[in-house]
N, C-alpha and C. Protein backbone atom coordinates (compact mmCIF):
# COMPACT_ATOMS: atom_id res chain seq x y z
N MET A 1 5.50 27.40 -66.51
CA MET A 1 5.71 26.43 -65.44
C MET A 1 4.69 26.63 -64.32
N GLU A 2 4.49 27.88 -63.96
CA GLU A 2 3.53 28.18 -62.88
C GLU A 2 2.11 27.80 -63.27
N ASN A 3 1.76 28.04 -64.53
CA ASN A 3 0.43 27.67 -65.02
C ASN A 3 0.22 26.17 -64.97
N GLU A 4 1.26 25.42 -65.30
CA GLU A 4 1.17 23.97 -65.28
C GLU A 4 0.92 23.46 -63.87
N VAL A 5 1.58 24.06 -62.89
CA VAL A 5 1.41 23.65 -61.50
C VAL A 5 -0.01 23.95 -61.03
N LYS A 6 -0.50 25.13 -61.37
CA LYS A 6 -1.87 25.50 -61.00
C LYS A 6 -2.88 24.58 -61.65
N GLN A 7 -2.65 24.26 -62.90
CA GLN A 7 -3.55 23.37 -63.63
C GLN A 7 -3.55 21.97 -63.02
N GLU A 8 -2.36 21.50 -62.64
CA GLU A 8 -2.26 20.18 -62.02
C GLU A 8 -2.96 20.15 -60.66
N LYS A 9 -2.80 21.20 -59.88
CA LYS A 9 -3.47 21.29 -58.58
C LYS A 9 -4.98 21.28 -58.76
N LYS A 10 -5.45 22.03 -59.75
CA LYS A 10 -6.89 22.08 -60.02
C LYS A 10 -7.41 20.70 -60.43
N SER A 11 -6.65 20.03 -61.27
CA SER A 11 -7.04 18.70 -61.73
C SER A 11 -7.10 17.71 -60.56
N LEU A 12 -6.11 17.76 -59.70
CA LEU A 12 -6.09 16.87 -58.54
C LEU A 12 -7.23 17.17 -57.58
N LYS A 13 -7.55 18.45 -57.42
CA LYS A 13 -8.65 18.84 -56.54
C LYS A 13 -9.97 18.32 -57.09
N GLN A 14 -10.15 18.41 -58.41
CA GLN A 14 -11.36 17.92 -59.03
C GLN A 14 -11.50 16.41 -58.85
N LYS A 15 -10.38 15.69 -58.99
CA LYS A 15 -10.40 14.24 -58.80
C LYS A 15 -10.74 13.88 -57.37
N LEU A 16 -10.18 14.62 -56.41
CA LEU A 16 -10.46 14.37 -55.00
C LEU A 16 -11.94 14.60 -54.70
N LEU A 17 -12.49 15.70 -55.20
CA LEU A 17 -13.90 16.00 -54.97
C LEU A 17 -14.80 14.93 -55.60
N ALA A 18 -14.44 14.47 -56.77
CA ALA A 18 -15.23 13.43 -57.43
C ALA A 18 -15.17 12.14 -56.62
N PHE A 19 -14.01 11.82 -56.08
CA PHE A 19 -13.85 10.63 -55.26
C PHE A 19 -14.67 10.74 -53.97
N GLN A 20 -14.62 11.92 -53.34
CA GLN A 20 -15.41 12.14 -52.13
C GLN A 20 -16.90 12.04 -52.41
N LYS A 21 -17.33 12.58 -53.54
CA LYS A 21 -18.75 12.51 -53.90
C LYS A 21 -19.17 11.06 -54.10
N MET A 22 -18.32 10.27 -54.74
CA MET A 22 -18.64 8.87 -54.96
C MET A 22 -18.84 8.16 -53.61
N GLY A 23 -18.00 8.46 -52.63
CA GLY A 23 -18.14 7.88 -51.31
C GLY A 23 -19.42 8.32 -50.62
N LEU A 24 -19.77 9.59 -50.74
CA LEU A 24 -20.98 10.11 -50.12
C LEU A 24 -22.24 9.52 -50.77
N VAL A 25 -22.20 9.32 -52.06
CA VAL A 25 -23.35 8.72 -52.75
C VAL A 25 -23.53 7.28 -52.27
N SER A 26 -22.43 6.58 -52.12
CA SER A 26 -22.49 5.20 -51.62
C SER A 26 -23.03 5.17 -50.19
N TYR A 27 -22.57 6.10 -49.37
CA TYR A 27 -23.04 6.20 -47.99
C TYR A 27 -24.53 6.53 -47.96
N GLY A 28 -24.98 7.38 -48.88
CA GLY A 28 -26.39 7.72 -48.98
C GLY A 28 -27.24 6.50 -49.30
N ALA A 29 -26.74 5.64 -50.16
CA ALA A 29 -27.46 4.41 -50.50
C ALA A 29 -27.56 3.51 -49.26
N TYR A 30 -26.50 3.43 -48.50
CA TYR A 30 -26.51 2.64 -47.26
C TYR A 30 -27.53 3.22 -46.27
N LEU A 31 -27.55 4.54 -46.13
CA LEU A 31 -28.50 5.17 -45.22
C LEU A 31 -29.94 4.92 -45.65
N THR A 32 -30.19 4.96 -46.93
CA THR A 32 -31.53 4.70 -47.44
C THR A 32 -31.96 3.27 -47.11
N GLU A 33 -31.04 2.35 -47.27
CA GLU A 33 -31.33 0.95 -46.95
C GLU A 33 -31.61 0.79 -45.44
N GLN A 34 -30.82 1.43 -44.61
CA GLN A 34 -31.02 1.35 -43.17
C GLN A 34 -32.34 2.00 -42.74
N ASP A 35 -32.70 3.10 -43.41
CA ASP A 35 -33.96 3.77 -43.11
C ASP A 35 -35.13 2.85 -43.43
N GLU A 36 -35.03 2.16 -44.54
CA GLU A 36 -36.09 1.23 -44.94
C GLU A 36 -36.22 0.09 -43.91
N LEU A 37 -35.10 -0.43 -43.46
CA LEU A 37 -35.14 -1.50 -42.47
C LEU A 37 -35.69 -1.01 -41.14
N ALA A 38 -35.33 0.21 -40.74
CA ALA A 38 -35.79 0.75 -39.47
C ALA A 38 -37.28 1.09 -39.52
N SER A 39 -37.79 1.39 -40.69
CA SER A 39 -39.20 1.75 -40.80
C SER A 39 -40.12 0.57 -40.56
N ARG A 40 -39.58 -0.61 -40.65
CA ARG A 40 -40.38 -1.83 -40.45
C ARG A 40 -40.60 -2.15 -38.98
N SER A 41 -39.90 -1.49 -38.09
CA SER A 41 -39.99 -1.81 -36.66
C SER A 41 -40.35 -0.56 -35.86
N ASP A 42 -41.33 -0.70 -34.98
CA ASP A 42 -41.72 0.44 -34.13
C ASP A 42 -40.67 0.75 -33.07
N SER A 43 -39.87 -0.23 -32.71
CA SER A 43 -38.89 -0.03 -31.65
C SER A 43 -37.65 0.74 -32.12
N LYS A 44 -37.56 1.00 -33.40
CA LYS A 44 -36.38 1.69 -33.94
C LYS A 44 -36.68 3.13 -34.35
N LYS A 45 -37.61 3.79 -33.66
CA LYS A 45 -37.98 5.16 -34.03
C LYS A 45 -36.81 6.13 -33.85
N ALA A 46 -36.09 6.01 -32.74
CA ALA A 46 -34.96 6.90 -32.49
C ALA A 46 -33.87 6.68 -33.53
N TYR A 47 -33.60 5.43 -33.87
CA TYR A 47 -32.60 5.12 -34.88
C TYR A 47 -33.01 5.69 -36.23
N ARG A 48 -34.28 5.60 -36.54
CA ARG A 48 -34.76 6.12 -37.82
C ARG A 48 -34.61 7.64 -37.88
N LYS A 49 -34.88 8.34 -36.78
CA LYS A 49 -34.68 9.79 -36.76
C LYS A 49 -33.21 10.13 -36.98
N TYR A 50 -32.33 9.36 -36.36
CA TYR A 50 -30.89 9.56 -36.54
C TYR A 50 -30.49 9.35 -38.00
N ILE A 51 -30.99 8.29 -38.59
CA ILE A 51 -30.69 7.99 -39.99
C ILE A 51 -31.17 9.11 -40.90
N GLN A 52 -32.36 9.63 -40.64
CA GLN A 52 -32.90 10.70 -41.47
C GLN A 52 -32.07 11.98 -41.35
N ARG A 53 -31.59 12.27 -40.15
CA ARG A 53 -30.71 13.44 -39.97
C ARG A 53 -29.40 13.23 -40.73
N GLN A 54 -28.88 12.03 -40.68
CA GLN A 54 -27.64 11.73 -41.40
C GLN A 54 -27.84 11.84 -42.91
N MET A 55 -29.01 11.45 -43.37
CA MET A 55 -29.32 11.56 -44.80
C MET A 55 -29.34 13.03 -45.23
N GLU A 56 -29.93 13.88 -44.39
CA GLU A 56 -29.97 15.31 -44.69
C GLU A 56 -28.56 15.90 -44.74
N LYS A 57 -27.73 15.55 -43.76
CA LYS A 57 -26.35 16.04 -43.75
C LYS A 57 -25.58 15.54 -44.96
N ASN A 58 -25.79 14.30 -45.31
CA ASN A 58 -25.11 13.71 -46.46
C ASN A 58 -25.51 14.44 -47.75
N ASN A 59 -26.79 14.72 -47.89
CA ASN A 59 -27.26 15.44 -49.08
C ASN A 59 -26.67 16.84 -49.15
N GLN A 60 -26.52 17.50 -48.00
CA GLN A 60 -25.91 18.83 -47.97
C GLN A 60 -24.44 18.75 -48.40
N LYS A 61 -23.73 17.73 -47.95
CA LYS A 61 -22.33 17.56 -48.33
C LYS A 61 -22.20 17.32 -49.83
N ILE A 62 -23.10 16.53 -50.38
CA ILE A 62 -23.08 16.25 -51.82
C ILE A 62 -23.35 17.54 -52.60
N ALA A 63 -24.31 18.32 -52.14
CA ALA A 63 -24.62 19.59 -52.82
C ALA A 63 -23.43 20.54 -52.76
N LYS A 64 -22.74 20.56 -51.65
CA LYS A 64 -21.57 21.43 -51.51
C LYS A 64 -20.47 21.01 -52.48
N ILE A 65 -20.26 19.71 -52.61
CA ILE A 65 -19.25 19.21 -53.54
C ILE A 65 -19.67 19.51 -54.98
N ASP A 66 -20.95 19.35 -55.29
CA ASP A 66 -21.44 19.65 -56.64
C ASP A 66 -21.20 21.10 -57.00
N SER A 67 -21.40 22.00 -56.05
CA SER A 67 -21.18 23.42 -56.35
C SER A 67 -19.70 23.71 -56.58
N LYS A 68 -18.81 22.97 -55.91
CA LYS A 68 -17.38 23.17 -56.12
C LYS A 68 -16.91 22.56 -57.44
N LEU A 69 -17.57 21.52 -57.89
CA LEU A 69 -17.17 20.86 -59.13
C LEU A 69 -17.54 21.67 -60.37
N LYS A 70 -18.47 22.56 -60.25
CA LYS A 70 -18.90 23.35 -61.41
C LYS A 70 -17.96 24.48 -61.69
C-alpha cells in the first residue's frame, strides 16, 4: 500500500513537471517573438534587454525541470 502511494505521488509529480515545462516552452516562444519585434525598433532597447533577461531565466527554469524529470 505504501509503495503504491509513493508511486502515485511520483507519477503526479512527473505530470506536474511536464505540464510546467510545456508552459515554460510556450512562454519562451512568446519571448522570442517579442524579442524579434523589439529588435526592429531603436526605441525599444530597454524592453529588449528585459526580454533577453527573461529568456535566460526561462531557459534556466526549463533546465531545472529537465534535471528533475530524469
